[in-house]
N, C-alpha and C. Protein backbone atom coordinates (compact mmCIF):
# COMPACT_ATOMS: atom_id res chain seq x y z
N MET A 1 82.01 104.21 206.56
CA MET A 1 81.94 103.36 205.39
C MET A 1 81.15 102.09 205.69
N LYS A 2 81.40 101.47 206.85
CA LYS A 2 80.67 100.26 207.22
C LYS A 2 79.18 100.54 207.41
N LYS A 3 78.89 101.72 207.93
CA LYS A 3 77.50 102.08 208.17
C LYS A 3 76.75 102.21 206.84
N ALA A 4 77.36 102.82 205.84
CA ALA A 4 76.74 102.96 204.52
C ALA A 4 76.51 101.60 203.88
N LEU A 5 77.48 100.71 204.01
CA LEU A 5 77.35 99.37 203.45
C LEU A 5 76.23 98.60 204.15
N LEU A 6 76.15 98.71 205.46
CA LEU A 6 75.12 98.04 206.24
C LEU A 6 73.73 98.56 205.85
N ILE A 7 73.59 99.85 205.68
CA ILE A 7 72.30 100.43 205.28
C ILE A 7 71.92 99.95 203.89
N SER A 8 72.88 99.89 202.98
CA SER A 8 72.61 99.42 201.62
C SER A 8 72.15 97.97 201.62
N VAL A 9 72.83 97.13 202.37
CA VAL A 9 72.44 95.72 202.45
C VAL A 9 71.05 95.58 203.06
N ALA A 10 70.76 96.33 204.10
CA ALA A 10 69.45 96.29 204.73
C ALA A 10 68.36 96.73 203.76
N ALA A 11 68.63 97.74 202.96
CA ALA A 11 67.65 98.21 201.98
C ALA A 11 67.38 97.16 200.92
N VAL A 12 68.42 96.47 200.46
CA VAL A 12 68.24 95.42 199.45
C VAL A 12 67.43 94.26 200.02
N VAL A 13 67.71 93.87 201.25
CA VAL A 13 66.96 92.78 201.89
C VAL A 13 65.49 93.17 202.06
N ALA A 14 65.24 94.38 202.50
CA ALA A 14 63.85 94.85 202.68
C ALA A 14 63.11 94.90 201.36
N LEU A 15 63.76 95.38 200.32
CA LEU A 15 63.14 95.46 199.00
C LEU A 15 62.84 94.06 198.46
N SER A 16 63.75 93.13 198.66
CA SER A 16 63.54 91.75 198.22
C SER A 16 62.34 91.13 198.93
N ALA A 17 62.21 91.38 200.20
CA ALA A 17 61.08 90.83 200.96
C ALA A 17 59.76 91.40 200.47
N LEU A 18 59.73 92.68 200.15
CA LEU A 18 58.51 93.30 199.68
C LEU A 18 58.11 92.81 198.30
N THR A 19 59.06 92.64 197.41
CA THR A 19 58.71 92.18 196.06
C THR A 19 58.23 90.74 196.07
N GLY A 20 58.67 89.93 197.00
CA GLY A 20 58.20 88.56 197.09
C GLY A 20 56.75 88.47 197.53
N CYS A 21 56.27 89.46 198.22
CA CYS A 21 54.90 89.44 198.74
C CYS A 21 53.89 90.04 197.77
N THR A 22 54.33 90.62 196.68
CA THR A 22 53.41 91.32 195.81
C THR A 22 52.85 90.45 194.69
N ARG A 23 53.29 89.22 194.57
CA ARG A 23 52.81 88.33 193.51
C ARG A 23 51.36 87.98 193.77
N THR A 24 50.54 88.08 192.75
CA THR A 24 49.11 87.82 192.87
C THR A 24 48.80 86.42 192.39
N SER A 25 47.91 85.73 193.07
CA SER A 25 47.45 84.41 192.66
C SER A 25 46.07 84.53 192.04
N TYR A 26 45.77 83.60 191.14
CA TYR A 26 44.49 83.58 190.46
C TYR A 26 43.87 82.20 190.59
N ALA A 27 42.54 82.16 190.65
CA ALA A 27 41.79 80.91 190.67
C ALA A 27 41.20 80.69 189.29
N ILE A 28 41.50 79.54 188.71
CA ILE A 28 40.95 79.17 187.42
C ILE A 28 39.84 78.15 187.69
N HIS A 29 38.61 78.53 187.39
CA HIS A 29 37.46 77.65 187.59
C HIS A 29 37.15 77.00 186.24
N THR A 30 37.10 75.67 186.23
CA THR A 30 36.87 74.94 184.98
C THR A 30 35.40 74.55 184.85
N ASN A 31 35.02 74.17 183.63
CA ASN A 31 33.64 73.77 183.36
C ASN A 31 33.25 72.49 184.09
N ASP A 32 34.23 71.65 184.44
CA ASP A 32 33.91 70.40 185.14
C ASP A 32 33.95 70.54 186.66
N GLY A 33 34.06 71.78 187.16
CA GLY A 33 33.95 72.03 188.60
C GLY A 33 35.27 72.11 189.35
N ARG A 34 36.40 71.92 188.69
CA ARG A 34 37.68 72.01 189.38
C ARG A 34 38.07 73.48 189.57
N THR A 35 38.90 73.73 190.57
CA THR A 35 39.49 75.05 190.79
C THR A 35 40.99 74.86 190.87
N ILE A 36 41.71 75.58 190.02
CA ILE A 36 43.17 75.48 189.96
C ILE A 36 43.73 76.82 190.40
N VAL A 37 44.70 76.81 191.30
CA VAL A 37 45.34 78.03 191.76
C VAL A 37 46.58 78.27 190.91
N ALA A 38 46.64 79.44 190.28
CA ALA A 38 47.77 79.82 189.44
C ALA A 38 48.59 80.89 190.15
N ASP A 39 49.90 80.75 190.08
CA ASP A 39 50.81 81.75 190.65
C ASP A 39 51.08 82.78 189.57
N GLY A 40 50.51 83.95 189.68
CA GLY A 40 50.62 84.97 188.64
C GLY A 40 49.44 84.86 187.67
N LYS A 41 49.30 85.86 186.83
CA LYS A 41 48.17 85.92 185.91
C LYS A 41 48.35 84.92 184.76
N PRO A 42 47.33 84.09 184.50
CA PRO A 42 47.39 83.16 183.37
C PRO A 42 47.48 83.93 182.05
N GLN A 43 48.19 83.35 181.07
CA GLN A 43 48.41 84.01 179.79
C GLN A 43 47.66 83.27 178.68
N ASP A 44 46.91 84.04 177.87
CA ASP A 44 46.24 83.48 176.70
C ASP A 44 47.25 83.28 175.58
N ALA A 45 47.11 82.18 174.86
CA ALA A 45 47.95 81.93 173.70
C ALA A 45 47.06 81.90 172.46
N GLU A 46 47.63 82.23 171.31
CA GLU A 46 46.87 82.23 170.06
C GLU A 46 46.43 80.83 169.66
N THR A 47 47.02 79.81 170.24
CA THR A 47 46.72 78.42 169.90
C THR A 47 45.45 77.91 170.56
N GLY A 48 44.78 78.74 171.37
CA GLY A 48 43.58 78.30 172.07
C GLY A 48 43.87 77.71 173.44
N LEU A 49 45.11 77.89 173.90
CA LEU A 49 45.50 77.36 175.21
C LEU A 49 45.68 78.49 176.21
N LEU A 50 45.51 78.16 177.47
CA LEU A 50 45.75 79.08 178.57
C LEU A 50 46.97 78.57 179.32
N GLY A 51 48.01 79.38 179.39
CA GLY A 51 49.22 78.99 180.10
C GLY A 51 49.25 79.61 181.48
N TYR A 52 49.69 78.82 182.46
CA TYR A 52 49.77 79.31 183.84
C TYR A 52 50.84 78.53 184.57
N THR A 53 51.27 79.07 185.70
CA THR A 53 52.19 78.38 186.60
C THR A 53 51.38 77.93 187.81
N ASP A 54 51.39 76.64 188.08
CA ASP A 54 50.57 76.13 189.19
C ASP A 54 51.21 76.45 190.54
N ALA A 55 50.55 76.05 191.60
CA ALA A 55 51.00 76.37 192.96
C ALA A 55 52.34 75.73 193.30
N ASN A 56 52.73 74.68 192.56
CA ASN A 56 54.01 74.02 192.79
C ASN A 56 55.12 74.60 191.94
N GLY A 57 54.82 75.64 191.15
CA GLY A 57 55.83 76.28 190.31
C GLY A 57 56.03 75.62 188.96
N VAL A 58 55.14 74.69 188.58
CA VAL A 58 55.25 73.97 187.31
C VAL A 58 54.39 74.69 186.26
N LYS A 59 54.97 74.94 185.08
CA LYS A 59 54.21 75.58 184.00
C LYS A 59 53.25 74.56 183.39
N GLN A 60 52.00 74.99 183.24
CA GLN A 60 50.94 74.12 182.73
C GLN A 60 50.19 74.84 181.62
N GLN A 61 49.42 74.09 180.83
CA GLN A 61 48.53 74.65 179.82
C GLN A 61 47.24 73.86 179.83
N MET A 62 46.16 74.55 179.46
CA MET A 62 44.88 73.88 179.31
C MET A 62 44.09 74.60 178.22
N ASN A 63 43.11 73.93 177.66
CA ASN A 63 42.28 74.55 176.64
C ASN A 63 41.45 75.67 177.23
N LYS A 64 41.41 76.80 176.52
CA LYS A 64 40.61 77.93 177.00
C LYS A 64 39.12 77.57 177.01
N SER A 65 38.71 76.65 176.18
CA SER A 65 37.30 76.25 176.14
C SER A 65 36.89 75.49 177.41
N ASP A 66 37.87 74.97 178.16
CA ASP A 66 37.58 74.27 179.41
C ASP A 66 37.46 75.22 180.61
N VAL A 67 37.77 76.51 180.40
CA VAL A 67 37.78 77.48 181.49
C VAL A 67 36.44 78.20 181.57
N LYS A 68 35.84 78.14 182.75
CA LYS A 68 34.58 78.84 182.99
C LYS A 68 34.84 80.28 183.42
N GLU A 69 35.83 80.48 184.33
CA GLU A 69 36.07 81.80 184.89
C GLU A 69 37.47 81.85 185.50
N ILE A 70 38.07 83.03 185.44
CA ILE A 70 39.36 83.27 186.12
C ILE A 70 39.14 84.45 187.06
N SER A 71 39.51 84.26 188.32
CA SER A 71 39.33 85.34 189.29
C SER A 71 40.59 85.53 190.13
N GLU A 72 40.84 86.77 190.49
CA GLU A 72 41.99 87.09 191.33
C GLU A 72 41.68 86.69 192.76
N ILE A 73 42.66 86.08 193.42
CA ILE A 73 42.49 85.70 194.82
C ILE A 73 42.92 86.89 195.67
N PRO A 74 42.00 87.43 196.48
CA PRO A 74 42.33 88.59 197.29
C PRO A 74 43.42 88.28 198.31
N LYS A 75 44.31 89.26 198.52
CA LYS A 75 45.38 89.10 199.51
C LYS A 75 44.82 89.35 200.89
N LYS A 76 45.40 88.68 201.86
CA LYS A 76 44.95 88.85 203.26
C LYS A 76 45.69 89.96 203.92
């Protein structure tokens, strides 16, 4: 019984570690030359804004007209 519980806990810990590593970051390049790193894919809104979560975990928005390009940051 203890062995089954130990295996279950180990599987949950391993799965949690793997899901934490699969989040993709994106680089938002603006028309004024800034580059903003977003945690996860930025979301378009019907209001003309682009919503994203910055590298510090804070939700932000900016005008889509200020965005030159959005690119996925390759994983190492």
